[in-house]
C-alpha atoms as a PDB file:
ATOM      1  CA  MET A   1      14.308 -28.149 -13.709  1.00  0.00           C
ATOM      2  CA  GLY A   2      15.480 -26.290 -10.568  1.00  0.00           C
ATOM      3  CA  ALA A   3      14.714 -27.143  -6.996  1.00  0.00           C
ATOM      4  CA  ARG A   4      11.189 -26.572  -5.790  1.00  0.00           C
ATOM      5  CA  LEU A   5      10.547 -24.992  -2.428  1.00  0.00           C
ATOM      6  CA  GLN A   6       7.634 -25.412  -0.058  1.00  0.00           C
ATOM      7  CA  ILE A   7       5.535 -22.434   0.974  1.00  0.00           C
ATOM      8  CA  GLY A   8       7.260 -21.946   4.339  1.00  0.00           C
ATOM      9  CA  ASP A   9      10.691 -21.747   2.713  1.00  0.00           C
ATOM     10  CA  VAL A  10       9.431 -19.339   0.065  1.00  0.00           C
ATOM     11  CA  ALA A  11       7.728 -17.183   2.694  1.00  0.00           C
ATOM     12  CA  GLN A  12      10.935 -16.951   4.694  1.00  0.00           C
ATOM     13  CA  LYS A  13      13.035 -16.229   1.607  1.00  0.00           C
ATOM     14  CA  ARG A  14      10.710 -13.365   0.524  1.00  0.00           C
ATOM     15  CA  GLY A  15       9.871 -12.031   3.990  1.00  0.00           C
ATOM     16  CA  LEU A  16       6.206 -12.944   3.626  1.00  0.00           C
ATOM     17  CA  THR A  17       3.795 -15.149   5.488  1.00  0.00           C
ATOM     18  CA  PRO A  18       2.425 -18.346   3.943  1.00  0.00           C
ATOM     19  CA  ASP A  19      -1.029 -16.724   4.179  1.00  0.00           C
ATOM     20  CA  ALA A  20       0.161 -13.807   2.040  1.00  0.00           C
ATOM     21  CA  ILE A  21       1.422 -16.201  -0.613  1.00  0.00           C
ATOM     22  CA  ARG A  22      -1.877 -18.106  -0.575  1.00  0.00           C
ATOM     23  CA  PHE A  23      -3.698 -14.755  -0.851  1.00  0.00           C
ATOM     24  CA  TYR A  24      -1.675 -13.775  -3.950  1.00  0.00           C
ATOM     25  CA  GLU A  25      -2.431 -17.178  -5.435  1.00  0.00           C
ATOM     26  CA  ARG A  26      -6.181 -16.840  -4.759  1.00  0.00           C
ATOM     27  CA  ARG A  27      -6.163 -13.344  -6.298  1.00  0.00           C
ATOM     28  CA  ARG A  28      -4.477 -14.757  -9.403  1.00  0.00           C
ATOM     29  CA  LEU A  29      -1.398 -12.584  -8.964  1.00  0.00           C
ATOM     30  CA  LEU A  30       0.698 -15.701  -8.622  1.00  0.00           C
ATOM     31  CA  ARG A  31       0.330 -18.849 -10.722  1.00  0.00           C
ATOM     32  CA  ARG A  32      -1.084 -21.889  -8.925  1.00  0.00           C
ATOM     33  CA  ALA A  33       1.862 -23.757  -7.493  1.00  0.00           C
ATOM     34  CA  ALA A  34       2.557 -27.341  -8.440  1.00  0.00           C
ATOM     35  CA  ARG A  35       1.805 -29.851  -5.686  1.00  0.00           C
ATOM     36  CA  SER A  36       3.882 -32.587  -4.158  1.00  0.00           C
ATOM     37  CA  GLY A  37       2.539 -36.108  -3.755  1.00  0.00           C
ATOM     38  CA  GLY A  38       1.522 -35.066  -0.255  1.00  0.00           C
ATOM     39  CA  GLY A  39      -0.353 -32.009  -1.518  1.00  0.00           C
ATOM     40  CA  PHE A  40       2.225 -29.396  -0.497  1.00  0.00           C
ATOM     41  CA  ARG A  41       2.672 -26.374  -2.738  1.00  0.00           C
ATOM     42  CA  LEU A  42       5.994 -26.420  -4.583  1.00  0.00           C
ATOM     43  CA  PHE A  43       7.401 -23.143  -5.879  1.00  0.00           C
ATOM     44  CA  THR A  44      10.066 -22.474  -8.488  1.00  0.00           C
ATOM     45  CA  GLU A  45      12.622 -19.661  -8.609  1.00  0.00           C
ATOM     46  CA  SER A  46      10.346 -18.035 -11.202  1.00  0.00           C
ATOM     47  CA  ASP A  47       7.507 -18.013  -8.646  1.00  0.00           C
ATOM     48  CA  ILE A  48       9.844 -16.429  -6.103  1.00  0.00           C
ATOM     49  CA  ASP A  49      10.772 -13.738  -8.644  1.00  0.00           C
ATOM     50  CA  ASP A  50       7.053 -13.130  -9.251  1.00  0.00           C
ATOM     51  CA  LEU A  51       6.516 -12.645  -5.517  1.00  0.00           C
ATOM     52  CA  LYS A  52       9.327 -10.097  -5.468  1.00  0.00           C
ATOM     53  CA  PHE A  53       7.686  -8.265  -8.380  1.00  0.00           C
ATOM     54  CA  ILE A  54       4.315  -8.247  -6.586  1.00  0.00           C
ATOM     55  CA  ARG A  55       5.799  -6.892  -3.337  1.00  0.00           C
ATOM     56  CA  ASN A  56       7.819  -4.241  -5.175  1.00  0.00           C
ATOM     57  CA  ALA A  57       4.726  -3.118  -7.093  1.00  0.00           C
ATOM     58  CA  GLN A  58       2.763  -2.914  -3.833  1.00  0.00           C
ATOM     59  CA  GLU A  59       5.513  -0.796  -2.280  1.00  0.00           C
ATOM     60  CA  LEU A  60       5.182   1.564  -5.260  1.00  0.00           C
ATOM     61  CA  GLY A  61       1.509   1.978  -4.374  1.00  0.00           C
ATOM     62  CA  PHE A  62      -0.103  -0.129  -7.076  1.00  0.00           C
ATOM     63  CA  SER A  63      -3.438  -1.773  -6.271  1.00  0.00           C
ATOM     64  CA  LEU A  64      -3.931  -5.508  -6.696  1.00  0.00           C
ATOM     65  CA  GLN A  65      -5.799  -4.932  -9.970  1.00  0.00           C
ATOM     66  CA  GLU A  66      -3.027  -2.671 -11.240  1.00  0.00           C
ATOM     67  CA  ILE A  67      -0.454  -5.291 -10.256  1.00  0.00           C
ATOM     68  CA  ARG A  68      -2.442  -7.932 -12.133  1.00  0.00           C
ATOM     69  CA  ASN A  69      -2.343  -5.656 -15.209  1.00  0.00           C
ATOM     70  CA  LEU A  70       1.407  -5.133 -14.780  1.00  0.00           C
ATOM     71  CA  ILE A  71       1.952  -8.885 -14.496  1.00  0.00           C
ATOM     72  CA  ASP A  72      -0.058  -9.446 -17.687  1.00  0.00           C
ATOM     73  CA  LEU A  73       2.077  -6.844 -19.434  1.00  0.00           C
ATOM     74  CA  ARG A  74       5.270  -8.342 -18.004  1.00  0.00           C
ATOM     75  CA  ASN A  75       4.281 -11.815 -19.183  1.00  0.00           C
ATOM     76  CA  ALA A  76       3.182 -10.710 -22.662  1.00  0.00           C
ATOM     77  CA  ARG A  77       5.254 -11.847 -25.588  1.00  0.00           C
ATOM     78  CA  TYR A  78       5.664  -8.189 -26.589  1.00  0.00           C
ATOM     79  CA  PRO A  79       5.165  -6.050 -23.473  1.00  0.00           C
ATOM     80  CA  ASP A  80       3.343  -2.791 -24.202  1.00  0.00           C
ATOM     81  CA  CYS A  81       5.686  -0.222 -22.686  1.00  0.00           C
ATOM     82  CA  ALA A  82       3.273   2.581 -23.652  1.00  0.00           C
ATOM     83  CA  ARG A  83       0.600   1.051 -21.382  1.00  0.00           C
ATOM     84  CA  VAL A  84       3.094   0.756 -18.544  1.00  0.00           C
ATOM     85  CA  GLU A  85       4.088   4.389 -19.044  1.00  0.00           C
ATOM     86  CA  LYS A  86       0.409   5.403 -18.945  1.00  0.00           C
ATOM     87  CA  MET A  87      -0.074   3.490 -15.690  1.00  0.00           C
ATOM     88  CA  LEU A  88       2.992   5.196 -14.213  1.00  0.00           C
ATOM     89  CA  ARG A  89       1.721   8.638 -15.257  1.00  0.00           C
ATOM     90  CA  HIS A  90      -1.613   7.877 -13.578  1.00  0.00           C
ATOM     91  CA  LYS A  91       0.143   6.661 -10.412  1.00  0.00           C
ATOM     92  CA  ILE A  92       2.312   9.815 -10.293  1.00  0.00           C
ATOM     93  CA  SER A  93      -0.798  11.963 -10.664  1.00  0.00           C
ATOM     94  CA  SER A  94      -2.429  10.065  -7.811  1.00  0.00           C
ATOM     95  CA  VAL A  95       0.657  10.510  -5.616  1.00  0.00           C
ATOM     96  CA  ARG A  96       0.709  14.249  -6.321  1.00  0.00           C
ATOM     97  CA  ALA A  97      -2.958  14.532  -5.338  1.00  0.00           C
ATOM     98  CA  LYS A  98      -2.226  12.689  -2.086  1.00  0.00           C
ATOM     99  CA  ILE A  99       0.735  14.982  -1.382  1.00  0.00           C
ATOM    100  CA  THR A 100      -1.498  18.024  -1.900  1.00  0.00           C
ATOM    101  CA  ALA A 101      -4.136  16.601   0.428  1.00  0.00           C
ATOM    102  CA  LEU A 102      -1.538  15.713   3.060  1.00  0.00           C
ATOM    103  CA  SER A 103      -0.009  19.212   2.862  1.00  0.00           C
ATOM    104  CA  LYS A 104      -3.445  20.719   3.446  1.00  0.00           C
ATOM    105  CA  LEU A 105      -3.987  18.374   6.376  1.00  0.00           C
ATOM    106  CA  GLU A 106      -0.607  19.345   7.829  1.00  0.00           C
ATOM    107  CA  ARG A 107      -1.480  23.070   7.609  1.00  0.00           C
ATOM    108  CA  THR A 108      -4.813  22.462   9.340  1.00  0.00           C
ATOM    109  CA  LEU A 109      -3.178  20.446  12.121  1.00  0.00           C
ATOM    110  CA  LYS A 110      -0.493  23.105  12.636  1.00  0.00           C
ATOM    111  CA  GLN A 111      -3.115  25.875  12.848  1.00  0.00           C
ATOM    112  CA  THR A 112      -5.064  23.847  15.387  1.00  0.00           C
ATOM    113  CA  MET A 113      -1.901  23.207  17.393  1.00  0.00           C
ATOM    114  CA  VAL A 114      -1.098  26.957  17.454  1.00  0.00           C
ATOM    115  CA  ARG A 115      -4.561  27.665  18.874  1.00  0.00           C
ATOM    116  CA  CYS A 116      -4.031  24.907  21.422  1.00  0.00           C
ATOM    117  CA  ARG A 117      -0.673  26.389  22.497  1.00  0.00           C
ATOM    118  CA  GLN A 118      -2.209  29.855  22.786  1.00  0.00           C
ATOM    119  CA  ASN A 119      -4.939  28.407  24.968  1.00  0.00           C
ATOM    120  CA  LEU A 120      -2.382  26.642  27.177  1.00  0.00           C
ATOM    121  CA  ARG A 121      -0.470  29.914  27.663  1.00  0.00           C
ATOM    122  CA  LYS A 122      -3.715  31.607  28.735  1.00  0.00           C
ATOM    123  CA  ALA A 123      -4.399  28.776  31.174  1.00  0.00           C
ATOM    124  CA  LYS A 124      -1.185  29.575  33.067  1.00  0.00           C
ATOM    125  CA  ASN A 125      -2.274  33.177  33.663  1.00  0.00           C
ATOM    126  CA  ALA A 126      -6.047  32.976  33.673  1.00  0.00           C
ATOM    127  CA  THR A 127      -8.975  30.654  33.267  1.00  0.00           C
ATOM    128  CA  ALA A 128      -8.725  28.851  29.935  1.00  0.00           C
ATOM    129  CA  GLU A 129     -11.694  28.265  27.705  1.00  0.00           C
ATOM    130  CA  ASP A 130     -12.466  24.813  26.372  1.00  0.00           C
ATOM    131  CA  CYS A 131      -9.692  23.235  24.334  1.00  0.00           C
ATOM    132  CA  PRO A 132      -9.859  24.863  20.888  1.00  0.00           C
ATOM    133  CA  ALA A 133      -8.492  21.737  19.202  1.00  0.00           C
ATOM    134  CA  LEU A 134     -11.278  19.540  20.558  1.00  0.00           C
ATOM    135  CA  SER A 135     -13.865  22.190  19.693  1.00  0.00           C
ATOM    136  CA  GLU A 136     -12.522  22.468  16.148  1.00  0.00           C
ATOM    137  CA  ILE A 137     -12.509  18.711  15.649  1.00  0.00           C
ATOM    138  CA  SER A 138     -16.145  18.648  16.802  1.00  0.00           C
ATOM    139  CA  ARG A 139     -17.078  21.357  14.273  1.00  0.00           C
ATOM    140  CA  ARG A 140     -15.301  19.828  11.273  1.00  0.00           C
ATOM    141  CA  LYS A 141     -17.476  18.644   8.438  1.00  0.00           C
ATOM    142  CA  GLY A 142     -17.213  14.913   7.809  1.00  0.00           C
ATOM    143  CA  THR A 143     -16.324  15.126   4.127  1.00  0.00           C
ATOM    144  CA  LYS A 144     -14.176  11.993   3.982  1.00  0.00           C
ATOM    145  CA  LYS A 145     -15.793   9.013   2.270  1.00  0.00           C
ATOM    146  CA  ARG A 146     -15.058   5.560   3.598  1.00  0.00           C
END
């Protein structure tokens, strides 16, 4: 059996905080760590690899539930690559939708900025009306759900 590391050492090795590791453990993304006689969590190299997997999956945009599903697939005796591929297709579709929404947002912001610049040019030569950007933001419909 390899050396076992305490939570602080693992956190430093993985660039995480001990609270993050405890969070992953509570969310059942990480197996419960063994305990020392003094009650300290003791992690194996396998646990450290699991933490790397979790962080990498998060960086790819997977939710905690999706990561839990990926971990189950990863730990299965016969991983179902077709399910993983389906999850990846869904994630790509989601990313494309976000890109479309962000492109639309960028166009709207650029149009508002153009109106703002035009207004600033007028202000140098004449009396400027209210800021068109602030007026437009006030008029926007609140369609975003929280």
